[in-house]
């Protein structure tokens, strides 16, 4: 009877070890999956930002050319566009907490929370 009890305890100990190892592997895989999801979202967001930035630059150049033709002066068109960009930069600087920091913080919390 003692031999049987010791064998059962040994088998149960092996089962527990196997379960613990499997749980650790599952946690590692979950961590890698979450990390991959976060990195892919960051990379795709960076690419989207890059394309939007390029579109914005193209729009500024196009607007400058159109304004230059309308005003008859390239210098005036460049001054107007530069003034508008400086104004937008100042507004962005003043409202950066509301327009940039808070949304990015929310996005990062959502990325971490969903995974």
C-alpha atoms as a PDB file:
ATOM      1  CA  UNK A   1       0.000   0.000   0.000  1.00  0.00           C
ATOM      2  CA  UNK A   2       2.837   2.418   0.845  1.00  0.00           C
ATOM      3  CA  UNK A   3       4.495   1.677  -2.478  1.00  0.00           C
ATOM      4  CA  UNK A   4       1.247   2.424  -4.288  1.00  0.00           C
ATOM      5  CA  UNK A   5       0.786   5.703  -2.408  1.00  0.00           C
ATOM      6  CA  UNK A   6       4.348   6.831  -3.152  1.00  0.00           C
ATOM      7  CA  UNK A   7       3.867   5.976  -6.840  1.00  0.00           C
ATOM      8  CA  UNK A   8       0.617   7.981  -6.968  1.00  0.00           C
ATOM      9  CA  UNK A   9       2.270  10.968  -5.279  1.00  0.00           C
ATOM     10  CA  UNK A  10       5.166  10.770  -7.751  1.00  0.00           C
ATOM     11  CA  UNK A  11       2.789  10.637 -10.726  1.00  0.00           C
ATOM     12  CA  UNK A  12       0.785  13.581  -9.394  1.00  0.00           C
ATOM     13  CA  UNK A  13       3.995  15.551  -8.894  1.00  0.00           C
ATOM     14  CA  UNK A  14       4.949  14.905 -12.527  1.00  0.00           C
ATOM     15  CA  UNK A  15       1.486  16.020 -13.678  1.00  0.00           C
ATOM     16  CA  UNK A  16       1.844  19.230 -11.671  1.00  0.00           C
ATOM     17  CA  UNK A  17       5.289  19.884 -13.149  1.00  0.00           C
ATOM     18  CA  UNK A  18       3.920  19.348 -16.674  1.00  0.00           C
ATOM     19  CA  UNK A  19       0.998  21.683 -16.033  1.00  0.00           C
ATOM     20  CA  UNK A  20       3.294  24.405 -14.665  1.00  0.00           C
ATOM     21  CA  UNK A  21       5.661  24.107 -17.653  1.00  0.00           C
ATOM     22  CA  UNK A  22       2.733  24.251 -20.077  1.00  0.00           C
ATOM     23  CA  UNK A  23       1.279  27.298 -18.337  1.00  0.00           C
ATOM     24  CA  UNK A  24       4.651  29.064 -18.558  1.00  0.00           C
ATOM     25  CA  UNK A  25       4.866  28.296 -22.276  1.00  0.00           C
ATOM     26  CA  UNK A  26       1.340  29.619 -22.817  1.00  0.00           C
ATOM     27  CA  UNK A  27       2.225  32.840 -20.970  1.00  0.00           C
ATOM     28  CA  UNK A  28       5.375  33.241 -23.086  1.00  0.00           C
ATOM     29  CA  UNK A  29       3.395  32.763 -26.285  1.00  0.00           C
ATOM     30  CA  UNK A  30       0.740  35.243 -25.118  1.00  0.00           C
ATOM     31  CA  UNK A  31       3.474  37.772 -24.352  1.00  0.00           C
ATOM     32  CA  UNK A  32       5.093  37.316 -27.781  1.00  0.00           C
ATOM     33  CA  UNK A  33       1.704  37.593 -29.485  1.00  0.00           C
ATOM     34  CA  UNK A  34       0.848  40.788 -27.593  1.00  0.00           C
ATOM     35  CA  UNK A  35       4.250  42.264 -28.401  1.00  0.00           C
ATOM     36  CA  UNK A  36       3.869  41.408 -32.081  1.00  0.00           C
ATOM     37  CA  UNK A  37       0.418  43.009 -32.179  1.00  0.00           C
ATOM     38  CA  UNK A  38       1.675  46.196 -30.553  1.00  0.00           C
ATOM     39  CA  UNK A  39       4.705  46.431 -32.858  1.00  0.00           C
ATOM     40  CA  UNK A  40       2.583  45.840 -35.960  1.00  0.00           C
ATOM     41  CA  UNK A  41       0.136  48.551 -34.895  1.00  0.00           C
ATOM     42  CA  UNK A  42       3.007  50.976 -34.258  1.00  0.00           C
ATOM     43  CA  UNK A  43       4.605  50.243 -37.637  1.00  0.00           C
ATOM     44  CA  UNK A  44       1.321  50.543 -39.529  1.00  0.00           C
ATOM     45  CA  UNK A  45       0.520  53.791 -37.720  1.00  0.00           C
ATOM     46  CA  UNK A  46       3.967  55.158 -38.595  1.00  0.00           C
ATOM     47  CA  UNK A  47       3.452  54.274 -42.252  1.00  0.00           C
ATOM     48  CA  UNK A  48       0.030  55.897 -42.292  1.00  0.00           C
ATOM     49  CA  UNK A  49       1.532  59.006 -40.676  1.00  0.00           C
ATOM     50  CA  UNK A  50       4.307  59.054 -43.296  1.00  0.00           C
ATOM     51  CA  UNK A  51       1.858  58.852 -46.193  1.00  0.00           C
ATOM     52  CA  UNK A  52      -0.363  61.534 -44.673  1.00  0.00           C
ATOM     53  CA  UNK A  53       2.699  63.734 -44.174  1.00  0.00           C
ATOM     54  CA  UNK A  54       3.706  63.278 -47.817  1.00  0.00           C
ATOM     55  CA  UNK A  55       0.159  64.089 -48.913  1.00  0.00           C
ATOM     56  CA  UNK A  56       0.230  67.203 -46.724  1.00  0.00           C
ATOM     57  CA  UNK A  57       3.526  68.370 -48.260  1.00  0.00           C
ATOM     58  CA  UNK A  58       2.155  67.766 -51.760  1.00  0.00           C
ATOM     59  CA  UNK A  59      -0.986  69.729 -50.894  1.00  0.00           C
ATOM     60  CA  UNK A  60       1.097  72.639 -49.589  1.00  0.00           C
ATOM     61  CA  UNK A  61       3.194  72.744 -52.760  1.00  0.00           C
ATOM     62  CA  UNK A  62       0.070  72.558 -54.921  1.00  0.00           C
ATOM     63  CA  UNK A  63      -1.666  75.268 -52.909  1.00  0.00           C
ATOM     64  CA  UNK A  64       1.421  77.473 -53.179  1.00  0.00           C
ATOM     65  CA  UNK A  65       1.482  77.071 -56.962  1.00  0.00           C
ATOM     66  CA  UNK A  66      -2.245  77.780 -57.292  1.00  0.00           C
ATOM     67  CA  UNK A  67      -2.010  80.793 -54.980  1.00  0.00           C
ATOM     68  CA  UNK A  68       1.051  81.997 -56.875  1.00  0.00           C
ATOM     69  CA  UNK A  69      -0.888  81.894 -60.164  1.00  0.00           C
ATOM     70  CA  UNK A  70      -3.880  83.619 -58.573  1.00  0.00           C
ATOM     71  CA  UNK A  71      -1.840  86.412 -56.940  1.00  0.00           C
ATOM     72  CA  UNK A  72       0.701  86.710 -59.729  1.00  0.00           C
ATOM     73  CA  UNK A  73       3.563  86.571 -57.236  1.00  0.00           C
ATOM     74  CA  UNK A  74       5.394  83.516 -55.952  1.00  0.00           C
ATOM     75  CA  UNK A  75       6.835  85.450 -53.016  1.00  0.00           C
ATOM     76  CA  UNK A  76       3.384  86.555 -51.826  1.00  0.00           C
ATOM     77  CA  UNK A  77       2.052  83.015 -52.116  1.00  0.00           C
ATOM     78  CA  UNK A  78       5.008  81.623 -50.148  1.00  0.00           C
ATOM     79  CA  UNK A  79       4.593  84.289 -47.448  1.00  0.00           C
ATOM     80  CA  UNK A  80       0.885  83.512 -47.071  1.00  0.00           C
ATOM     81  CA  UNK A  81       1.465  79.752 -46.892  1.00  0.00           C
ATOM     82  CA  UNK A  82       4.353  80.244 -44.439  1.00  0.00           C
ATOM     83  CA  UNK A  83       2.186  82.493 -42.262  1.00  0.00           C
ATOM     84  CA  UNK A  84      -0.607  79.923 -42.203  1.00  0.00           C
ATOM     85  CA  UNK A  85       1.861  77.152 -41.304  1.00  0.00           C
ATOM     86  CA  UNK A  86       3.378  79.247 -38.515  1.00  0.00           C
ATOM     87  CA  UNK A  87      -0.105  79.970 -37.168  1.00  0.00           C
ATOM     88  CA  UNK A  88      -0.992  76.269 -37.286  1.00  0.00           C
ATOM     89  CA  UNK A  89       2.293  75.424 -35.531  1.00  0.00           C
ATOM     90  CA  UNK A  90       1.608  77.902 -32.727  1.00  0.00           C
ATOM     91  CA  UNK A  91      -1.938  76.571 -32.294  1.00  0.00           C
ATOM     92  CA  UNK A  92      -0.603  73.024 -32.231  1.00  0.00           C
ATOM     93  CA  UNK A  93       1.985  74.005 -29.643  1.00  0.00           C
ATOM     94  CA  UNK A  94      -0.617  75.675 -27.442  1.00  0.00           C
ATOM     95  CA  UNK A  95      -3.133  72.810 -27.685  1.00  0.00           C
ATOM     96  CA  UNK A  96      -0.645  69.909 -27.878  1.00  0.00           C
ATOM     97  CA  UNK A  97      -1.916  68.314 -24.660  1.00  0.00           C
ATOM     98  CA  UNK A  98      -5.471  68.089 -25.950  1.00  0.00           C
ATOM     99  CA  UNK A  99      -4.646  67.375 -29.605  1.00  0.00           C
ATOM    100  CA  UNK A 100      -1.607  65.104 -29.332  1.00  0.00           C
ATOM    101  CA  UNK A 101      -0.710  63.839 -25.862  1.00  0.00           C
ATOM    102  CA  UNK A 102      -4.166  62.770 -24.652  1.00  0.00           C
ATOM    103  CA  UNK A 103      -5.160  60.880 -27.857  1.00  0.00           C
ATOM    104  CA  UNK A 104      -1.784  59.095 -28.049  1.00  0.00           C
ATOM    105  CA  UNK A 105      -2.030  58.135 -24.388  1.00  0.00           C
ATOM    106  CA  UNK A 106      -5.531  56.759 -24.972  1.00  0.00           C
ATOM    107  CA  UNK A 107      -4.351  54.791 -28.021  1.00  0.00           C
ATOM    108  CA  UNK A 108      -1.454  53.251 -26.087  1.00  0.00           C
ATOM    109  CA  UNK A 109      -3.736  52.331 -23.161  1.00  0.00           C
ATOM    110  CA  UNK A 110      -6.188  50.727 -25.619  1.00  0.00           C
ATOM    111  CA  UNK A 111      -3.377  48.773 -27.306  1.00  0.00           C
ATOM    112  CA  UNK A 112      -2.192  47.430 -23.977  1.00  0.00           C
ATOM    113  CA  UNK A 113      -5.701  46.855 -22.648  1.00  0.00           C
ATOM    114  CA  UNK A 114      -6.979  44.932 -25.689  1.00  0.00           C
ATOM    115  CA  UNK A 115      -4.052  42.514 -25.729  1.00  0.00           C
END
